[in-house]
Amino acid sequence: MQVFGWVVPAVVGGLVTLGVTLLTPDDKGSKDDAAPQASTTVSATPTPSLSKSGTTPSSTNASTPSSNPSSSVAAFEPFPGEPMSLSFIEPPCRIRTEIDFDKVPFTHRVETELDDEPAQPGVDMVWKDCTSTVLETSTEARAGVIPQGTTVTKAACMDAANGGGLETLEMQAFASAQDHARRGATICILTDQGRLLAAYVTEREDHPTKLALKVRTMAG
């Protein structure tokens, strides 16, 4: 019997050693010899893959910090051109003005089928008239009044807005003694986004209806 052997080394992604042994019978006519046997030994060491930059990637748990809009000072900076003028006159029935103090322009006009139809999301106040002209504060905002002659500070304006009292300002010829939103007073508004504004009343007429304001941001 003759024995033939080969050892073929190869490297594919690591080190591979291959050994093969073949047994060939001397007598071709013998049917009692065993069939050729083959043994294979494979040893592979994986090579770590490289990134495009040539470095081995690491399995670190990196977390991306999320931004917090409520902590951003820029979110409540004054708008360019403040204080801004707002002027309202008696509107026709079914046409109202919705006021959103978190974006410029503050106002847009809306045609409604019902006088008590809810305002759009984000609206802070509504100026409307069907039976009487009113300035109405939405449920998502807060508003209060600092009377004429009182010093207006950020803290005082925040207290007035949080204290409320201006859920509805009804424009009428004979205002009650509790109606302090007269000329020279300041209406403080806290929006649904947390912006605090002071709206100084420069003009108010109950008949015909007119309300003029100078608006500026108080909180930054």
Protein backbone atom coordinates (compact mmCIF):
# COMPACT_ATOMS: atom_id res chain seq x y z
CA MET A 1 0.00 0.00 0.00
CA GLN A 2 1.25 3.43 -0.94
CA VAL A 3 0.58 6.51 1.20
CA PHE A 4 0.31 9.98 -0.28
CA GLY A 5 -0.06 13.07 1.93
CA TRP A 6 -0.43 16.81 1.40
CA VAL A 7 -0.47 19.72 3.79
CA VAL A 8 -1.90 22.91 2.29
CA PRO A 9 -1.85 26.03 4.47
CA ALA A 10 -4.29 28.85 3.65
CA VAL A 11 -5.44 32.04 5.36
CA VAL A 12 -9.00 33.28 4.79
CA GLY A 13 -10.13 35.68 7.51
CA GLY A 14 -7.72 33.85 9.89
CA LEU A 15 -5.38 30.80 9.96
CA VAL A 16 -6.62 27.54 8.40
CA THR A 17 -4.56 24.30 8.45
CA LEU A 18 -5.74 21.50 6.15
CA GLY A 19 -4.32 17.96 6.30
CA VAL A 20 -5.39 15.20 3.90
CA THR A 21 -4.23 11.54 3.96
CA LEU A 22 -5.19 9.12 1.17
CA LEU A 23 -4.74 5.38 1.35
CA THR A 24 -4.41 3.64 -2.08
CA PRO A 25 -4.42 -0.20 -2.29
CA ASP A 26 -1.43 -1.88 -3.99
CA ASP A 27 -3.60 -4.67 -5.40
CA LYS A 28 -6.21 -3.15 -7.68
CA GLY A 29 -8.22 -6.34 -7.65
CA SER A 30 -8.54 -6.58 -3.91
CA LYS A 31 -12.02 -5.87 -2.69
CA ASP A 32 -11.17 -6.32 1.00
CA ASP A 33 -9.21 -3.10 1.42
CA ALA A 34 -10.92 -0.24 3.18
CA ALA A 35 -12.22 2.73 1.21
CA PRO A 36 -9.98 5.81 1.08
CA GLN A 37 -10.18 7.84 4.27
CA ALA A 38 -9.92 11.58 4.48
CA SER A 39 -9.32 13.63 7.62
CA THR A 40 -9.69 17.40 7.75
CA THR A 41 -8.60 19.70 10.54
CA VAL A 42 -9.76 23.32 10.46
CA SER A 43 -8.57 25.97 12.88
CA ALA A 44 -9.92 29.48 12.27
CA THR A 45 -9.28 32.63 14.22
CA PRO A 46 -11.76 35.36 13.22
CA THR A 47 -10.31 38.75 12.43
CA PRO A 48 -12.25 41.70 13.82
CA SER A 49 -13.82 43.80 11.09
CA LEU A 50 -12.53 47.29 10.53
CA SER A 51 -14.62 50.37 10.06
CA LYS A 52 -14.08 52.72 7.14
CA SER A 53 -11.79 54.83 9.28
CA GLY A 54 -9.54 51.83 9.94
CA THR A 55 -10.40 51.47 13.61
CA THR A 56 -12.17 48.64 15.35
CA PRO A 57 -15.71 49.69 16.35
CA SER A 58 -16.42 49.57 20.05
CA SER A 59 -19.71 48.46 21.56
CA THR A 60 -20.30 51.42 23.82
CA ASN A 61 -23.78 52.45 24.86
CA ALA A 62 -23.77 56.06 23.70
CA SER A 63 -26.89 58.02 24.47
CA THR A 64 -27.94 61.12 22.56
CA PRO A 65 -29.04 63.93 24.88
CA SER A 66 -32.52 65.22 24.18
CA SER A 67 -33.25 68.91 24.02
CA ASN A 68 -35.60 70.38 26.55
CA PRO A 69 -37.63 73.24 25.03
CA SER A 70 -38.77 74.40 28.44
CA SER A 71 -35.16 75.11 29.43
CA SER A 72 -34.37 77.07 26.29
CA VAL A 73 -34.07 80.79 26.90
CA ALA A 74 -34.46 81.48 23.19
CA ALA A 75 -37.99 80.03 23.28
CA PHE A 76 -39.21 83.05 25.27
CA GLU A 77 -37.07 85.87 23.91
CA PRO A 78 -38.96 89.00 22.84
CA PHE A 79 -40.20 89.06 19.27
CA PRO A 80 -38.50 91.54 16.92
CA GLY A 81 -40.25 94.91 17.03
CA GLU A 82 -41.63 94.65 20.56
CA PRO A 83 -43.61 96.28 21.99
CA MET A 84 -46.10 95.45 19.23
CA SER A 85 -49.40 97.21 18.65
CA LEU A 86 -52.70 95.33 18.61
CA SER A 87 -55.99 97.03 17.78
CA PHE A 88 -59.49 95.54 17.81
CA ILE A 89 -62.78 97.04 16.66
CA GLU A 90 -66.31 95.68 16.86
CA PRO A 91 -66.35 92.52 14.71
CA PRO A 92 -69.30 91.23 12.70
CA CYS A 93 -71.21 88.26 14.10
CA ARG A 94 -69.70 84.85 13.21
CA ILE A 95 -66.34 86.48 12.44
CA ARG A 96 -63.91 86.39 15.31
CA THR A 97 -60.24 87.10 15.86
CA GLU A 98 -58.15 84.36 17.47
CA ILE A 99 -54.99 85.50 19.28
CA ASP A 100 -51.91 83.30 19.74
CA PHE A 101 -49.17 85.21 21.59
CA ASP A 102 -46.57 82.50 20.92
CA LYS A 103 -46.13 83.37 17.25
CA VAL A 104 -46.11 86.39 14.95
CA PRO A 105 -48.47 87.65 13.72
CA PHE A 106 -50.48 87.27 16.91
CA THR A 107 -53.91 87.30 15.28
CA HIS A 108 -55.92 85.64 12.54
CA ARG A 109 -59.61 85.94 11.64
CA VAL A 110 -61.88 82.91 11.64
CA GLU A 111 -65.41 82.48 10.32
CA THR A 112 -67.54 80.29 12.59
CA GLU A 113 -71.00 78.77 12.43
CA LEU A 114 -71.60 78.96 16.18
CA ASP A 115 -70.69 81.78 18.54
CA ASP A 116 -69.49 79.35 21.22
CA GLU A 117 -67.43 77.17 18.88
CA PRO A 118 -64.12 76.16 20.55
CA ALA A 119 -60.98 78.00 19.50
CA GLN A 120 -58.16 76.32 17.62
CA PRO A 121 -55.40 74.60 19.69
CA GLY A 122 -52.75 77.04 20.88
CA VAL A 123 -55.07 80.08 20.86
CA ASP A 124 -54.73 82.21 24.01
CA MET A 125 -57.56 84.71 23.53
CA VAL A 126 -60.57 85.29 21.28
CA TRP A 127 -62.13 88.63 20.27
CA LYS A 128 -65.74 88.09 19.16
CA ASP A 129 -69.18 89.64 18.99
CA CYS A 130 -72.68 88.41 18.37
CA THR A 131 -74.76 89.67 21.26
CA SER A 132 -71.94 91.70 22.83
CA THR A 133 -68.26 92.23 22.14
CA VAL A 134 -65.97 90.26 24.45
CA LEU A 135 -62.28 89.44 24.84
CA GLU A 136 -62.24 85.87 26.07
CA THR A 137 -59.28 83.97 27.56
CA SER A 138 -59.01 80.34 26.46
CA THR A 139 -58.87 77.51 28.99
CA GLU A 140 -55.23 76.79 28.06
CA ALA A 141 -54.05 80.33 28.99
CA ARG A 142 -54.33 82.65 31.97
CA ALA A 143 -54.86 86.41 32.18
CA GLY A 144 -55.24 89.07 34.82
CA VAL A 145 -55.09 92.86 35.13
CA ILE A 146 -52.65 95.20 36.86
CA PRO A 147 -54.56 98.46 37.49
CA GLN A 148 -53.39 101.84 36.26
CA GLY A 149 -50.79 103.45 38.49
CA THR A 150 -49.30 100.16 39.69
CA THR A 151 -45.68 99.32 38.87
CA VAL A 152 -45.50 96.47 36.35
CA THR A 153 -42.70 93.99 37.07
CA LYS A 154 -42.17 90.46 35.86
CA ALA A 155 -43.16 89.07 39.27
CA ALA A 156 -46.24 91.29 39.51
CA CYS A 157 -47.33 90.33 36.00
CA MET A 158 -46.89 86.63 36.73
CA ASP A 159 -48.95 86.97 39.90
CA ALA A 160 -51.69 88.81 38.02
CA ALA A 161 -51.82 86.21 35.25
CA ASN A 162 -51.85 83.27 37.64
CA GLY A 163 -54.48 85.00 39.77
CA GLY A 164 -56.78 85.20 36.74
CA GLY A 165 -59.86 87.37 36.75
CA LEU A 166 -59.86 88.12 33.05
CA GLU A 167 -61.57 84.99 31.77
CA THR A 168 -63.99 87.29 29.93
CA LEU A 169 -63.66 91.04 29.34
CA GLU A 170 -67.02 92.35 28.21
CA MET A 171 -66.98 95.60 26.28
CA GLN A 172 -70.01 97.66 27.32
CA ALA A 173 -71.00 101.27 27.81
CA PHE A 174 -71.28 101.00 31.59
CA ALA A 175 -68.43 98.86 32.92
CA SER A 176 -68.56 97.59 36.45
CA ALA A 177 -66.30 98.88 39.20
CA GLN A 178 -64.43 95.56 39.11
CA ASP A 179 -63.44 96.12 35.49
CA HIS A 180 -59.88 97.45 35.84
CA ALA A 181 -58.90 96.85 32.21
CA ARG A 182 -59.19 100.52 31.37
CA ARG A 183 -56.81 102.87 29.61
CA GLY A 184 -53.46 102.88 31.43
CA ALA A 185 -53.93 99.40 32.90
CA THR A 186 -51.88 96.35 31.93
CA ILE A 187 -53.31 92.98 30.93
CA CYS A 188 -50.90 90.15 31.82
CA ILE A 189 -51.16 86.95 29.78
CA LEU A 190 -49.51 83.59 30.45
CA THR A 191 -49.75 81.49 27.28
CA ASP A 192 -50.16 77.74 26.99
CA GLN A 193 -46.45 77.59 26.06
CA GLY A 194 -45.36 79.48 29.19
CA ARG A 195 -44.67 82.87 27.62
CA LEU A 196 -45.53 85.82 29.88
CA LEU A 197 -46.66 89.03 28.19
CA ALA A 198 -47.75 92.47 29.34
CA ALA A 199 -50.37 94.20 27.18
CA TYR A 200 -50.58 97.89 28.08
CA VAL A 201 -54.02 99.33 27.32
CA THR A 202 -53.44 102.45 25.21
CA GLU A 203 -57.10 102.94 24.22
CA ARG A 204 -60.48 101.51 25.15
CA GLU A 205 -63.89 102.57 23.91
CA ASP A 206 -67.01 100.65 24.82
CA HIS A 207 -69.30 102.26 22.26
CA PRO A 208 -68.39 101.99 19.49
CA THR A 209 -66.16 99.15 20.58
CA LYS A 210 -62.39 99.58 20.33
CA LEU A 211 -59.45 98.12 22.23
CA ALA A 212 -55.81 99.03 21.53
CA LEU A 213 -52.80 97.38 23.19
CA LYS A 214 -49.00 97.57 23.28
CA VAL A 215 -47.69 94.05 23.86
CA ARG A 216 -44.25 92.97 25.09
CA THR A 217 -42.74 89.76 26.43
CA MET A 218 -41.96 89.79 30.16
CA ALA A 219 -40.31 86.40 30.67
CA GLY A 220 -37.17 85.16 28.94
